[in-house]
C-alpha atoms as a PDB file:
ATOM      1  CA  MET A   1      -5.818   8.479   6.957  1.00  0.00           C
ATOM      2  CA  SER A   2      -6.865   5.449   4.964  1.00  0.00           C
ATOM      3  CA  GLU A   3      -7.158   4.348   1.349  1.00  0.00           C
ATOM      4  CA  LEU A   4      -9.691   1.749   0.228  1.00  0.00           C
ATOM      5  CA  SER A   5      -9.096  -0.345  -2.862  1.00  0.00           C
ATOM      6  CA  MET A   6     -12.055   0.192  -5.121  1.00  0.00           C
ATOM      7  CA  THR A   7     -12.576   0.906  -8.803  1.00  0.00           C
ATOM      8  CA  PRO A   8     -13.999   4.424  -9.251  1.00  0.00           C
ATOM      9  CA  THR A   9     -17.561   4.554 -10.513  1.00  0.00           C
ATOM     10  CA  ALA A  10     -19.683   7.227 -12.184  1.00  0.00           C
ATOM     11  CA  GLY A  11     -21.152   8.195  -8.845  1.00  0.00           C
ATOM     12  CA  ILE A  12     -20.728   7.251  -5.189  1.00  0.00           C
ATOM     13  CA  GLY A  13     -24.022   6.779  -3.384  1.00  0.00           C
ATOM     14  CA  ILE A  14     -23.964   8.680  -0.098  1.00  0.00           C
ATOM     15  CA  ALA A  15     -26.625   8.952   2.575  1.00  0.00           C
ATOM     16  CA  VAL A  16     -27.369  11.132   5.566  1.00  0.00           C
ATOM     17  CA  ALA A  17     -29.134   9.112   8.250  1.00  0.00           C
ATOM     18  CA  GLN A  18     -31.084  11.206  10.758  1.00  0.00           C
ATOM     19  CA  PHE A  19     -32.093   9.755  14.107  1.00  0.00           C
ATOM     20  CA  ALA A  20     -32.174  10.639  17.816  1.00  0.00           C
ATOM     21  CA  PRO A  21     -29.701   8.572  19.859  1.00  0.00           C
ATOM     22  CA  THR A  22     -30.587   7.846  23.480  1.00  0.00           C
ATOM     23  CA  THR A  23     -28.988   6.225  26.523  1.00  0.00           C
ATOM     24  CA  ASP A  24     -29.980   2.813  25.127  1.00  0.00           C
ATOM     25  CA  GLN A  25     -26.747   1.772  23.421  1.00  0.00           C
ATOM     26  CA  ALA A  26     -28.177  -1.442  21.991  1.00  0.00           C
ATOM     27  CA  GLY A  27     -31.172   0.521  20.732  1.00  0.00           C
ATOM     28  CA  ASN A  28     -28.890   3.036  19.044  1.00  0.00           C
ATOM     29  CA  LEU A  29     -27.075   0.265  17.179  1.00  0.00           C
ATOM     30  CA  ALA A  30     -30.421  -1.256  16.181  1.00  0.00           C
ATOM     31  CA  ALA A  31     -31.534   2.105  14.768  1.00  0.00           C
ATOM     32  CA  ILE A  32     -28.244   2.439  12.879  1.00  0.00           C
ATOM     33  CA  ARG A  33     -28.687  -1.042  11.445  1.00  0.00           C
ATOM     34  CA  GLU A  34     -32.220  -0.293  10.236  1.00  0.00           C
ATOM     35  CA  LEU A  35     -31.288   3.068   8.696  1.00  0.00           C
ATOM     36  CA  THR A  36     -28.172   1.600   7.058  1.00  0.00           C
ATOM     37  CA  SER A  37     -30.331  -1.096   5.488  1.00  0.00           C
ATOM     38  CA  ARG A  38     -32.746   1.559   4.237  1.00  0.00           C
ATOM     39  CA  ALA A  39     -29.914   3.689   2.817  1.00  0.00           C
ATOM     40  CA  SER A  40     -28.157   0.714   1.218  1.00  0.00           C
ATOM     41  CA  SER A  41     -31.370  -0.361  -0.495  1.00  0.00           C
ATOM     42  CA  ARG A  42     -31.447   3.077  -2.138  1.00  0.00           C
ATOM     43  CA  GLY A  43     -27.883   2.761  -3.428  1.00  0.00           C
ATOM     44  CA  ALA A  44     -25.839   4.307  -0.619  1.00  0.00           C
ATOM     45  CA  GLN A  45     -22.242   3.147  -0.242  1.00  0.00           C
ATOM     46  CA  VAL A  46     -21.320   5.645   2.497  1.00  0.00           C
ATOM     47  CA  VAL A  47     -23.787   6.373   5.312  1.00  0.00           C
ATOM     48  CA  VAL A  48     -23.320   9.312   7.696  1.00  0.00           C
ATOM     49  CA  PHE A  49     -24.959   9.376  11.149  1.00  0.00           C
ATOM     50  CA  PRO A  50     -25.194  12.158  13.768  1.00  0.00           C
ATOM     51  CA  GLU A  51     -22.856  13.204  16.532  1.00  0.00           C
ATOM     52  CA  TYR A  52     -23.194  11.183  19.768  1.00  0.00           C
ATOM     53  CA  SER A  53     -24.708   8.222  17.914  1.00  0.00           C
ATOM     54  CA  SER A  54     -23.397   5.718  20.472  1.00  0.00           C
ATOM     55  CA  TYR A  55     -24.884   7.416  23.559  1.00  0.00           C
ATOM     56  CA  PHE A  56     -26.711  10.673  24.208  1.00  0.00           C
ATOM     57  CA  ILE A  57     -28.290  12.276  27.238  1.00  0.00           C
ATOM     58  CA  ASP A  58     -29.685  15.772  27.718  1.00  0.00           C
ATOM     59  CA  PRO A  59     -28.561  17.527  29.798  1.00  0.00           C
ATOM     60  CA  PHE A  60     -25.085  16.017  29.978  1.00  0.00           C
ATOM     61  CA  ASP A  61     -24.152  14.249  33.188  1.00  0.00           C
ATOM     62  CA  ALA A  62     -21.565  11.837  34.610  1.00  0.00           C
ATOM     63  CA  SER A  63     -23.104   8.943  32.670  1.00  0.00           C
ATOM     64  CA  LEU A  64     -21.282  10.182  29.544  1.00  0.00           C
ATOM     65  CA  ALA A  65     -17.974   9.035  30.994  1.00  0.00           C
ATOM     66  CA  GLU A  66     -19.540   5.941  32.539  1.00  0.00           C
ATOM     67  CA  TYR A  67     -20.782   4.705  29.169  1.00  0.00           C
ATOM     68  CA  ALA A  68     -17.855   5.936  27.079  1.00  0.00           C
ATOM     69  CA  GLU A  69     -16.054   3.301  25.016  1.00  0.00           C
ATOM     70  CA  ASP A  70     -12.690   2.774  23.407  1.00  0.00           C
ATOM     71  CA  ILE A  71     -12.197   2.894  19.654  1.00  0.00           C
ATOM     72  CA  ASP A  72     -12.191  -0.907  19.581  1.00  0.00           C
ATOM     73  CA  GLY A  73     -15.187  -1.215  21.918  1.00  0.00           C
ATOM     74  CA  PRO A  74     -18.603  -2.793  21.306  1.00  0.00           C
ATOM     75  CA  PHE A  75     -20.130   0.194  19.524  1.00  0.00           C
ATOM     76  CA  VAL A  76     -17.438   0.367  16.848  1.00  0.00           C
ATOM     77  CA  THR A  77     -17.406  -3.430  16.568  1.00  0.00           C
ATOM     78  CA  GLY A  78     -21.160  -3.245  16.032  1.00  0.00           C
ATOM     79  CA  LEU A  79     -20.743  -0.569  13.351  1.00  0.00           C
ATOM     80  CA  GLN A  80     -18.233  -2.756  11.544  1.00  0.00           C
ATOM     81  CA  ALA A  81     -20.627  -5.715  11.593  1.00  0.00           C
ATOM     82  CA  ILE A  82     -23.382  -3.554  10.091  1.00  0.00           C
ATOM     83  CA  ALA A  83     -20.972  -2.161   7.498  1.00  0.00           C
ATOM     84  CA  LEU A  84     -19.894  -5.683   6.572  1.00  0.00           C
ATOM     85  CA  ASP A  85     -23.477  -6.920   6.219  1.00  0.00           C
ATOM     86  CA  HIS A  86     -24.398  -4.062   3.878  1.00  0.00           C
ATOM     87  CA  ARG A  87     -21.003  -3.555   2.214  1.00  0.00           C
ATOM     88  CA  VAL A  88     -20.907   0.133   3.098  1.00  0.00           C
ATOM     89  CA  VAL A  89     -18.773   2.654   4.955  1.00  0.00           C
ATOM     90  CA  ILE A  90     -20.407   3.998   8.116  1.00  0.00           C
ATOM     91  CA  VAL A  91     -19.529   7.330   9.725  1.00  0.00           C
ATOM     92  CA  ALA A  92     -20.989   7.957  13.192  1.00  0.00           C
ATOM     93  CA  GLY A  93     -20.463   9.799  16.458  1.00  0.00           C
ATOM     94  CA  LEU A  94     -18.840   7.923  19.339  1.00  0.00           C
ATOM     95  CA  VAL A  95     -18.668   8.848  23.028  1.00  0.00           C
ATOM     96  CA  GLU A  96     -15.033   7.850  23.432  1.00  0.00           C
ATOM     97  CA  ARG A  97     -13.221   7.255  26.706  1.00  0.00           C
ATOM     98  CA  ALA A  98     -10.664  10.010  27.359  1.00  0.00           C
ATOM     99  CA  GLY A  99      -7.418   9.875  29.292  1.00  0.00           C
ATOM    100  CA  VAL A 100      -8.798  12.219  31.969  1.00  0.00           C
ATOM    101  CA  SER A 101     -11.100  10.617  34.545  1.00  0.00           C
ATOM    102  CA  GLY A 102     -14.734  11.668  34.240  1.00  0.00           C
ATOM    103  CA  ARG A 103     -14.313  13.145  30.762  1.00  0.00           C
ATOM    104  CA  ILE A 104     -14.803  11.963  27.192  1.00  0.00           C
ATOM    105  CA  HIS A 105     -13.792  12.673  23.626  1.00  0.00           C
ATOM    106  CA  ASN A 106     -16.573  13.632  21.226  1.00  0.00           C
ATOM    107  CA  THR A 107     -15.381  11.440  18.377  1.00  0.00           C
ATOM    108  CA  VAL A 108     -16.491  10.715  14.826  1.00  0.00           C
ATOM    109  CA  ILE A 109     -15.331   7.429  13.399  1.00  0.00           C
ATOM    110  CA  ALA A 110     -15.439   6.011   9.871  1.00  0.00           C
ATOM    111  CA  VAL A 111     -15.415   2.226   9.446  1.00  0.00           C
ATOM    112  CA  ASP A 112     -15.917  -0.406   6.810  1.00  0.00           C
ATOM    113  CA  GLY A 113     -16.575  -4.083   7.479  1.00  0.00           C
ATOM    114  CA  SER A 114     -13.120  -4.760   8.858  1.00  0.00           C
ATOM    115  CA  ASN A 115     -11.173  -1.535   9.424  1.00  0.00           C
ATOM    116  CA  THR A 116     -11.265   1.840  11.082  1.00  0.00           C
ATOM    117  CA  LEU A 117     -10.687   4.275   8.225  1.00  0.00           C
ATOM    118  CA  ALA A 118     -10.490   7.595  10.083  1.00  0.00           C
ATOM    119  CA  THR A 119     -11.021   8.930  13.605  1.00  0.00           C
ATOM    120  CA  TYR A 120     -11.714  12.587  14.388  1.00  0.00           C
ATOM    121  CA  ARG A 121     -12.008  14.090  17.880  1.00  0.00           C
ATOM    122  CA  LYS A 122     -14.016  17.310  17.931  1.00  0.00           C
ATOM    123  CA  GLN A 123     -11.728  20.341  18.181  1.00  0.00           C
ATOM    124  CA  HIS A 124     -14.121  23.234  18.806  1.00  0.00           C
ATOM    125  CA  LEU A 125     -16.328  22.443  21.778  1.00  0.00           C
ATOM    126  CA  TYR A 126     -19.824  23.882  22.066  1.00  0.00           C
ATOM    127  CA  ASP A 127     -19.309  26.549  24.713  1.00  0.00           C
ATOM    128  CA  ALA A 128     -21.932  28.857  23.246  1.00  0.00           C
ATOM    129  CA  PHE A 129     -25.643  29.662  23.359  1.00  0.00           C
ATOM    130  CA  GLY A 130     -25.703  28.884  27.079  1.00  0.00           C
ATOM    131  CA  GLN A 131     -24.044  25.460  26.715  1.00  0.00           C
ATOM    132  CA  ARG A 132     -20.722  24.216  28.164  1.00  0.00           C
ATOM    133  CA  GLU A 133     -19.603  21.101  26.317  1.00  0.00           C
ATOM    134  CA  SER A 134     -16.082  21.604  27.662  1.00  0.00           C
ATOM    135  CA  ASP A 135     -17.307  20.783  31.181  1.00  0.00           C
ATOM    136  CA  TRP A 136     -17.551  17.151  30.034  1.00  0.00           C
ATOM    137  CA  VAL A 137     -15.465  16.799  26.864  1.00  0.00           C
ATOM    138  CA  GLU A 138     -11.745  16.968  26.090  1.00  0.00           C
ATOM    139  CA  ALA A 139     -11.086  18.744  22.801  1.00  0.00           C
ATOM    140  CA  GLY A 140      -9.152  16.887  20.135  1.00  0.00           C
ATOM    141  CA  ASP A 141      -5.675  17.923  19.085  1.00  0.00           C
ATOM    142  CA  THR A 142      -5.224  20.082  16.012  1.00  0.00           C
ATOM    143  CA  GLY A 143      -3.249  17.365  14.311  1.00  0.00           C
ATOM    144  CA  ALA A 144      -3.401  15.862  10.853  1.00  0.00           C
ATOM    145  CA  PRO A 145      -6.817  16.189   9.164  1.00  0.00           C
ATOM    146  CA  GLN A 146      -8.750  12.927   9.240  1.00  0.00           C
ATOM    147  CA  THR A 147      -9.626  11.690   5.761  1.00  0.00           C
ATOM    148  CA  PHE A 148     -10.169   8.458   3.867  1.00  0.00           C
ATOM    149  CA  ALA A 149     -10.467   7.622   0.178  1.00  0.00           C
ATOM    150  CA  TYR A 150     -13.286   5.660  -1.411  1.00  0.00           C
ATOM    151  CA  GLY A 151     -14.433   5.245  -4.990  1.00  0.00           C
ATOM    152  CA  GLY A 152     -12.168   7.932  -6.401  1.00  0.00           C
ATOM    153  CA  LEU A 153     -13.123  10.608  -3.870  1.00  0.00           C
ATOM    154  CA  ARG A 154     -11.483  11.666  -0.619  1.00  0.00           C
ATOM    155  CA  PHE A 155     -13.722  12.216   2.412  1.00  0.00           C
ATOM    156  CA  GLY A 156     -12.874  14.393   5.432  1.00  0.00           C
ATOM    157  CA  LEU A 157     -14.405  14.365   8.914  1.00  0.00           C
ATOM    158  CA  GLN A 158     -15.561  17.199  11.165  1.00  0.00           C
ATOM    159  CA  THR A 159     -18.176  17.716  13.860  1.00  0.00           C
ATOM    160  CA  CYS A 160     -21.119  20.051  14.470  1.00  0.00           C
ATOM    161  CA  TYR A 161     -19.852  23.343  16.005  1.00  0.00           C
ATOM    162  CA  ASP A 162     -16.676  23.034  13.900  1.00  0.00           C
ATOM    163  CA  ILE A 163     -18.626  24.354  10.914  1.00  0.00           C
ATOM    164  CA  ARG A 164     -18.681  27.806  12.530  1.00  0.00           C
ATOM    165  CA  PHE A 165     -14.894  27.831  12.035  1.00  0.00           C
ATOM    166  CA  PRO A 166     -14.152  27.950   8.275  1.00  0.00           C
ATOM    167  CA  GLU A 167     -10.537  26.987   8.804  1.00  0.00           C
ATOM    168  CA  VAL A 168     -11.520  23.465   9.896  1.00  0.00           C
ATOM    169  CA  THR A 169     -13.101  22.707   6.535  1.00  0.00           C
ATOM    170  CA  ARG A 170     -10.285  24.433   4.686  1.00  0.00           C
ATOM    171  CA  THR A 171      -7.658  22.237   6.364  1.00  0.00           C
ATOM    172  CA  LEU A 172      -9.585  19.183   5.168  1.00  0.00           C
ATOM    173  CA  VAL A 173      -9.654  20.569   1.636  1.00  0.00           C
ATOM    174  CA  ASP A 174      -5.933  21.319   1.832  1.00  0.00           C
ATOM    175  CA  ALA A 175      -5.487  17.641   2.740  1.00  0.00           C
ATOM    176  CA  GLY A 176      -7.277  16.670  -0.464  1.00  0.00           C
ATOM    177  CA  ALA A 177     -10.883  16.256   0.705  1.00  0.00           C
ATOM    178  CA  ASP A 178     -13.495  16.331  -2.049  1.00  0.00           C
ATOM    179  CA  VAL A 179     -16.343  15.608   0.364  1.00  0.00           C
ATOM    180  CA  VAL A 180     -16.715  16.934   3.909  1.00  0.00           C
ATOM    181  CA  LEU A 181     -18.738  14.720   6.253  1.00  0.00           C
ATOM    182  CA  VAL A 182     -20.290  16.471   9.258  1.00  0.00           C
ATOM    183  CA  ALA A 183     -21.785  14.573  12.199  1.00  0.00           C
ATOM    184  CA  ALA A 184     -23.885  16.930  14.328  1.00  0.00           C
ATOM    185  CA  GLU A 185     -26.291  17.478  17.163  1.00  0.00           C
ATOM    186  CA  TRP A 186     -27.166  21.031  16.164  1.00  0.00           C
ATOM    187  CA  VAL A 187     -29.110  22.277  19.172  1.00  0.00           C
ATOM    188  CA  ARG A 188     -32.406  23.985  18.408  1.00  0.00           C
ATOM    189  CA  GLY A 189     -32.970  27.649  19.211  1.00  0.00           C
ATOM    190  CA  PRO A 190     -33.708  31.030  17.633  1.00  0.00           C
ATOM    191  CA  LEU A 191     -32.258  31.192  14.114  1.00  0.00           C
ATOM    192  CA  LYS A 192     -30.367  27.914  14.640  1.00  0.00           C
ATOM    193  CA  GLU A 193     -31.901  26.159  11.625  1.00  0.00           C
ATOM    194  CA  HIS A 194     -30.983  29.192   9.518  1.00  0.00           C
ATOM    195  CA  HIS A 195     -27.423  29.128  10.860  1.00  0.00           C
ATOM    196  CA  TRP A 196     -27.119  25.371  10.206  1.00  0.00           C
ATOM    197  CA  LEU A 197     -28.127  25.497   6.565  1.00  0.00           C
ATOM    198  CA  THR A 198     -26.329  28.774   5.849  1.00  0.00           C
ATOM    199  CA  LEU A 199     -23.011  27.630   7.329  1.00  0.00           C
ATOM    200  CA  LEU A 200     -23.095  24.261   5.594  1.00  0.00           C
ATOM    201  CA  THR A 201     -23.850  25.924   2.271  1.00  0.00           C
ATOM    202  CA  ALA A 202     -21.078  28.471   2.798  1.00  0.00           C
ATOM    203  CA  ARG A 203     -18.535  25.735   3.557  1.00  0.00           C
ATOM    204  CA  ALA A 204     -19.508  23.987   0.312  1.00  0.00           C
ATOM    205  CA  ILE A 205     -19.335  27.127  -1.843  1.00  0.00           C
ATOM    206  CA  GLU A 206     -16.128  28.646  -0.480  1.00  0.00           C
ATOM    207  CA  ASN A 207     -14.245  25.337  -0.694  1.00  0.00           C
ATOM    208  CA  THR A 208     -15.948  23.972  -3.826  1.00  0.00           C
ATOM    209  CA  VAL A 209     -16.591  20.636  -2.094  1.00  0.00           C
ATOM    210  CA  PHE A 210     -19.535  18.389  -1.409  1.00  0.00           C
ATOM    211  CA  VAL A 211     -20.818  18.785   2.158  1.00  0.00           C
ATOM    212  CA  VAL A 212     -22.756  15.916   3.729  1.00  0.00           C
ATOM    213  CA  ALA A 213     -24.201  16.685   7.172  1.00  0.00           C
ATOM    214  CA  ALA A 214     -26.250  14.418   9.454  1.00  0.00           C
ATOM    215  CA  ASP A 215     -28.084  15.934  12.417  1.00  0.00           C
ATOM    216  CA  GLN A 216     -30.391  14.689  15.135  1.00  0.00           C
ATOM    217  CA  PRO A 217     -34.096  15.489  14.640  1.00  0.00           C
ATOM    218  CA  PRO A 218     -36.265  17.626  16.937  1.00  0.00           C
ATOM    219  CA  PRO A 219     -36.960  18.145  19.743  1.00  0.00           C
ATOM    220  CA  LEU A 220     -33.244  18.487  20.545  1.00  0.00           C
ATOM    221  CA  GLY A 221     -31.655  18.921  17.103  1.00  0.00           C
ATOM    222  CA  VAL A 222     -32.898  21.007  14.200  1.00  0.00           C
ATOM    223  CA  GLY A 223     -32.932  18.035  11.815  1.00  0.00           C
ATOM    224  CA  HIS A 224     -32.575  19.000   8.160  1.00  0.00           C
ATOM    225  CA  SER A 225     -29.729  16.622   7.427  1.00  0.00           C
ATOM    226  CA  VAL A 226     -28.519  17.545   3.979  1.00  0.00           C
ATOM    227  CA  ILE A 227     -26.233  16.790   1.032  1.00  0.00           C
ATOM    228  CA  ILE A 228     -24.935  19.922  -0.731  1.00  0.00           C
ATOM    229  CA  ASP A 229     -22.973  20.109  -3.974  1.00  0.00           C
ATOM    230  CA  PRO A 230     -19.817  22.228  -4.571  1.00  0.00           C
ATOM    231  CA  ALA A 231     -21.928  25.066  -6.004  1.00  0.00           C
ATOM    232  CA  GLY A 232     -24.044  25.224  -2.853  1.00  0.00           C
ATOM    233  CA  VAL A 233     -27.104  23.474  -4.282  1.00  0.00           C
ATOM    234  CA  THR A 234     -29.000  21.038  -2.063  1.00  0.00           C
ATOM    235  CA  MET A 235     -28.969  17.594  -3.670  1.00  0.00           C
ATOM    236  CA  ALA A 236     -30.995  15.714  -1.030  1.00  0.00           C
ATOM    237  CA  SER A 237     -32.259  16.370   2.467  1.00  0.00           C
ATOM    238  CA  VAL A 238     -34.308  15.041   5.367  1.00  0.00           C
ATOM    239  CA  GLY A 239     -36.820  17.260   7.113  1.00  0.00           C
ATOM    240  CA  THR A 240     -37.483  16.758  10.809  1.00  0.00           C
ATOM    241  CA  THR A 241     -38.248  13.039  10.874  1.00  0.00           C
ATOM    242  CA  THR A 242     -36.144   9.926  11.389  1.00  0.00           C
ATOM    243  CA  ASP A 243     -35.130   8.940   7.861  1.00  0.00           C
ATOM    244  CA  VAL A 244     -32.361   8.808   5.279  1.00  0.00           C
ATOM    245  CA  ALA A 245     -31.669  10.850   2.166  1.00  0.00           C
ATOM    246  CA  VAL A 246     -29.439   9.568  -0.631  1.00  0.00           C
ATOM    247  CA  SER A 247     -27.612  11.270  -3.480  1.00  0.00           C
ATOM    248  CA  PHE A 248     -24.780  10.373  -5.853  1.00  0.00           C
ATOM    249  CA  LEU A 249     -21.475  12.220  -5.973  1.00  0.00           C
ATOM    250  CA  ASP A 250     -19.027  12.179  -8.858  1.00  0.00           C
ATOM    251  CA  ARG A 251     -15.695  13.809  -9.522  1.00  0.00           C
ATOM    252  CA  ASP A 252     -16.765  15.239 -12.874  1.00  0.00           C
ATOM    253  CA  ALA A 253     -19.339  17.455 -11.153  1.00  0.00           C
ATOM    254  CA  LEU A 254     -16.687  18.606  -8.693  1.00  0.00           C
ATOM    255  CA  GLU A 255     -14.203  19.449 -11.439  1.00  0.00           C
ATOM    256  CA  ARG A 256     -16.806  21.346 -13.467  1.00  0.00           C
ATOM    257  CA  VAL A 257     -17.479  23.649 -10.525  1.00  0.00           C
ATOM    258  CA  ARG A 258     -13.758  24.136  -9.829  1.00  0.00           C
ATOM    259  CA  THR A 259     -13.127  24.990 -13.490  1.00  0.00           C
ATOM    260  CA  VAL A 260     -15.762  27.732 -13.446  1.00  0.00           C
ATOM    261  CA  ASN A 261     -14.815  28.906  -9.943  1.00  0.00           C
ATOM    262  CA  PRO A 262     -11.082  28.220  -9.339  1.00  0.00           C
ATOM    263  CA  ALA A 263     -11.157  29.899  -5.928  1.00  0.00           C
ATOM    264  CA  LEU A 264      -8.865  27.342  -4.305  1.00  0.00           C
ATOM    265  CA  ALA A 265      -6.200  27.911  -6.932  1.00  0.00           C
ATOM    266  CA  LEU A 266      -6.480  31.700  -6.567  1.00  0.00           C
ATOM    267  CA  ARG A 267      -6.205  31.903  -2.772  1.00  0.00           C
ATOM    268  CA  ARG A 268      -3.377  33.943  -1.240  1.00  0.00           C
ATOM    269  CA  TYR A 269      -3.531  32.777   2.381  1.00  0.00           C
ATOM    270  CA  ARG A 270      -3.007  29.493   4.152  1.00  0.00           C
ATOM    271  CA  ILE A 271      -4.360  28.062   7.426  1.00  0.00           C
ATOM    272  CA  GLU A 272      -2.083  27.251  10.337  1.00  0.00           C
ATOM    273  CA  PRO A 273      -3.394  25.802  13.631  1.00  0.00           C
ATOM    274  CA  VAL A 274      -2.893  27.620  16.925  1.00  0.00           C
ATOM    275  CA  SER A 275      -2.356  25.924  20.268  1.00  0.00           C
ATOM    276  CA  HIS A 276      -4.348  27.265  23.215  1.00  0.00           C
ATOM    277  CA  GLY A 277      -5.686  24.746  25.681  1.00  0.00           C
ATOM    278  CA  SER A 278      -8.942  23.033  24.846  1.00  0.00           C
ATOM    279  CA  GLY A 279      -9.593  24.900  21.618  1.00  0.00           C
ATOM    280  CA  SER A 280     -13.065  25.910  22.808  1.00  0.00           C
ATOM    281  CA  ASP A 281     -14.467  29.401  23.215  1.00  0.00           C
END
């Protein structure tokens, strides 16, 4: 958890940046640099990229572990350099080296120009719809929610398949998150675009939070990266191309929704994590 020193403003510019990472790590960083520049020029101060932004191959193979990096490796160092150049916070997916040989962590990291602000290792692995992410990935521990503060708002991190588990978002909200940032590679398939947008909207409405979700575009992802307000209204979105979408978030809008719909204050249950192996289905 991290706190940035910054005077709150009327609105924090936030962007979803949609692109298709490949096995070309230098190329991925170049794409992130170009999209960050584009987002920054439109007023973004926080830029969210997809899951597996550092390295991606389909189908998964042993190269995931071969090209995995540490938190202080060249990919994160590169992100920090881009963040410094554009004076933004960058959130992106990292193929992180795990402690078990031949396996990785599916990690989302938030950085500014000099610091790592939060690090989240995906908890619910994608063992569904014919896929077996757990064959290659070690699930993250159900530890403290990963959040950071910026411009008067608190941001929480989660990843892709996690959005099918409402308790993940709720634990972030219980930790004070006003904005939930989702890095994803939401695999295409029957009804998958419908599921993506429905689940993201539900997480925003039931928690009265902003939800900001960046996906990979087709042919592998569904695209439709989106920024949703606490009432479930889409504020900005990208279709199926490589591009950015920018919107501006402010606490007043959040508080107005929570005044009309005080669902969080009226709840009668709490979330407690369970411990059972990898945490995947």
